[in-house]
Amino acid sequence: MIWGDHYSTHHNPRIWPKPEEYIPERWTCKEGDALYPPKNAWRPFERGPRNCIGQELALTELKLILALTAREFDIIDAYKDFDEMRGNKKDLKINGQRAYMVRIGGAGHPADGYPCRARYLG
């Protein structure tokens, strides 16, 4: 019997630089960056005919947990501080919004990564 060892794959430093470190930027870096993951390297649910039947439930639970956690915080943008720190043009807005959408890597993202501040409400 042969199976993929996901734990070993996800902790292999040849595939994942600094695998034991918490580096959220590895998911937002651009292709060519040392932290950029190789294609199909993240395989928590496998693929193809052996795809995990619990994948949809697991991802739905993750979204629910994220939503229930996020509602406990007041999240406001920090573009004013960000622009002052970077020396950006004052009041740069598109259609009246500072958090306008930009295209990065084929997907839409908020401008400048949406700098923000979070305050716990609980």
Protein backbone atom coordinates (compact mmCIF):
# COMPACT_ATOMS: atom_id res chain seq x y z
CA MET A 1 0.00 0.00 0.00
CA ILE A 2 1.30 3.46 -0.88
CA TRP A 3 0.01 6.77 0.45
CA GLY A 4 1.18 10.34 0.66
CA ASP A 5 2.55 11.48 4.00
CA HIS A 6 1.15 15.00 4.20
CA TYR A 7 2.81 15.85 7.51
CA SER A 8 6.26 15.05 6.13
CA THR A 9 5.54 16.85 2.86
CA HIS A 10 4.31 19.97 4.64
CA HIS A 11 7.36 19.98 6.94
CA ASN A 12 10.02 19.25 4.32
CA PRO A 13 12.47 22.21 4.13
CA ARG A 14 13.29 21.35 0.48
CA ILE A 15 9.67 22.09 -0.40
CA TRP A 16 8.73 24.62 2.31
CA PRO A 17 11.50 27.01 3.41
CA LYS A 18 11.50 27.38 7.21
CA PRO A 19 8.65 24.87 7.61
CA GLU A 20 8.50 25.11 11.41
CA GLU A 21 8.15 28.90 11.45
CA TYR A 22 4.88 30.82 11.38
CA ILE A 23 5.26 32.92 8.23
CA PRO A 24 1.86 34.11 6.92
CA GLU A 25 3.64 35.99 4.10
CA ARG A 26 4.37 32.67 2.41
CA TRP A 27 0.74 32.70 1.21
CA THR A 28 0.89 36.24 -0.17
CA CYS A 29 4.36 36.40 -1.75
CA LYS A 30 4.82 36.52 -5.50
CA GLU A 31 6.11 33.72 -7.69
CA GLY A 32 9.90 33.71 -7.66
CA ASP A 33 10.09 34.58 -3.95
CA ALA A 34 12.00 32.01 -1.85
CA LEU A 35 8.86 31.43 0.24
CA TYR A 36 6.58 30.91 -2.78
CA PRO A 37 5.18 27.36 -2.52
CA PRO A 38 5.72 24.97 -5.43
CA LYS A 39 2.63 24.01 -7.43
CA ASN A 40 0.54 21.37 -5.62
CA ALA A 41 2.82 21.42 -2.56
CA TRP A 42 -0.01 22.19 -0.13
CA ARG A 43 -2.12 19.04 -0.15
CA PRO A 44 -4.21 18.78 2.99
CA PHE A 45 -7.10 17.04 1.20
CA GLU A 46 -5.24 15.31 -1.64
CA ARG A 47 -6.56 15.43 -5.20
CA GLY A 48 -8.25 13.36 -7.86
CA PRO A 49 -10.19 10.14 -7.17
CA ARG A 50 -8.68 9.88 -3.67
CA ASN A 51 -9.88 13.36 -2.73
CA CYS A 52 -10.96 13.69 0.90
CA ILE A 53 -14.74 13.38 1.24
CA GLY A 54 -14.62 15.64 4.30
CA GLN A 55 -12.96 18.55 2.46
CA GLU A 56 -16.16 20.55 1.96
CA LEU A 57 -17.21 20.10 5.60
CA ALA A 58 -13.73 21.05 6.87
CA LEU A 59 -13.57 24.20 4.74
CA THR A 60 -17.13 25.17 5.71
CA GLU A 61 -16.21 24.77 9.39
CA LEU A 62 -13.10 26.92 8.89
CA LYS A 63 -15.17 29.68 7.26
CA LEU A 64 -17.71 29.50 10.09
CA ILE A 65 -14.98 29.71 12.75
CA LEU A 66 -13.40 32.66 10.94
CA ALA A 67 -16.76 34.47 10.70
CA LEU A 68 -17.59 33.85 14.37
CA THR A 69 -14.12 35.03 15.42
CA ALA A 70 -14.09 38.10 13.14
CA ARG A 71 -17.39 39.37 14.54
CA GLU A 72 -15.69 39.76 17.93
CA PHE A 73 -13.40 42.45 16.50
CA ASP A 74 -13.84 45.98 15.22
CA ILE A 75 -11.60 46.18 12.15
CA ILE A 76 -10.89 49.62 10.69
CA ASP A 77 -8.55 50.61 7.93
CA ALA A 78 -5.24 52.31 8.75
CA TYR A 79 -4.59 53.84 5.34
CA LYS A 80 -4.03 57.30 6.81
CA ASP A 81 -1.15 56.08 8.98
CA PHE A 82 0.13 53.83 6.19
CA ASP A 83 0.17 56.68 3.67
CA GLU A 84 1.94 59.01 6.12
CA MET A 85 4.53 56.33 6.90
CA ARG A 86 5.15 55.63 3.20
CA GLY A 87 4.91 59.24 2.04
CA ASN A 88 2.06 58.36 -0.33
CA LYS A 89 -0.13 60.94 -2.01
CA LYS A 90 -2.84 62.22 0.34
CA ASP A 91 -6.41 61.00 -0.17
CA LEU A 92 -5.64 58.62 -3.03
CA LYS A 93 -9.04 57.10 -3.80
CA ILE A 94 -10.72 55.24 -6.62
CA ASN A 95 -14.51 55.69 -6.85
CA GLY A 96 -14.39 57.28 -3.39
CA GLN A 97 -12.69 54.28 -1.80
CA ARG A 98 -9.15 53.97 -0.47
CA ALA A 99 -9.44 50.18 -0.27
CA TYR A 100 -9.92 49.88 -4.01
CA MET A 101 -9.32 46.57 -5.77
CA VAL A 102 -6.03 45.84 -7.53
CA ARG A 103 -5.12 42.80 -9.59
CA ILE A 104 -2.24 40.76 -8.20
CA GLY A 105 -1.39 37.34 -9.60
CA GLY A 106 -4.67 37.04 -11.49
CA ALA A 107 -6.88 37.77 -8.47
CA GLY A 108 -8.33 40.87 -6.87
CA HIS A 109 -6.80 42.25 -3.68
CA PRO A 110 -7.34 45.47 -1.70
CA ALA A 111 -4.83 48.23 -2.47
CA ASP A 112 -1.63 48.13 -0.41
CA GLY A 113 -2.77 44.93 1.30
CA TYR A 114 -5.43 46.74 3.36
CA PRO A 115 -3.47 48.00 6.38
CA CYS A 116 -5.82 47.89 9.34
CA ARG A 117 -6.22 47.92 13.09
CA ALA A 118 -8.28 45.39 15.02
CA ARG A 119 -9.84 45.98 18.44
CA TYR A 120 -11.32 43.14 20.47
CA LEU A 121 -14.92 43.91 21.36
CA GLY A 122 -15.44 41.16 23.95
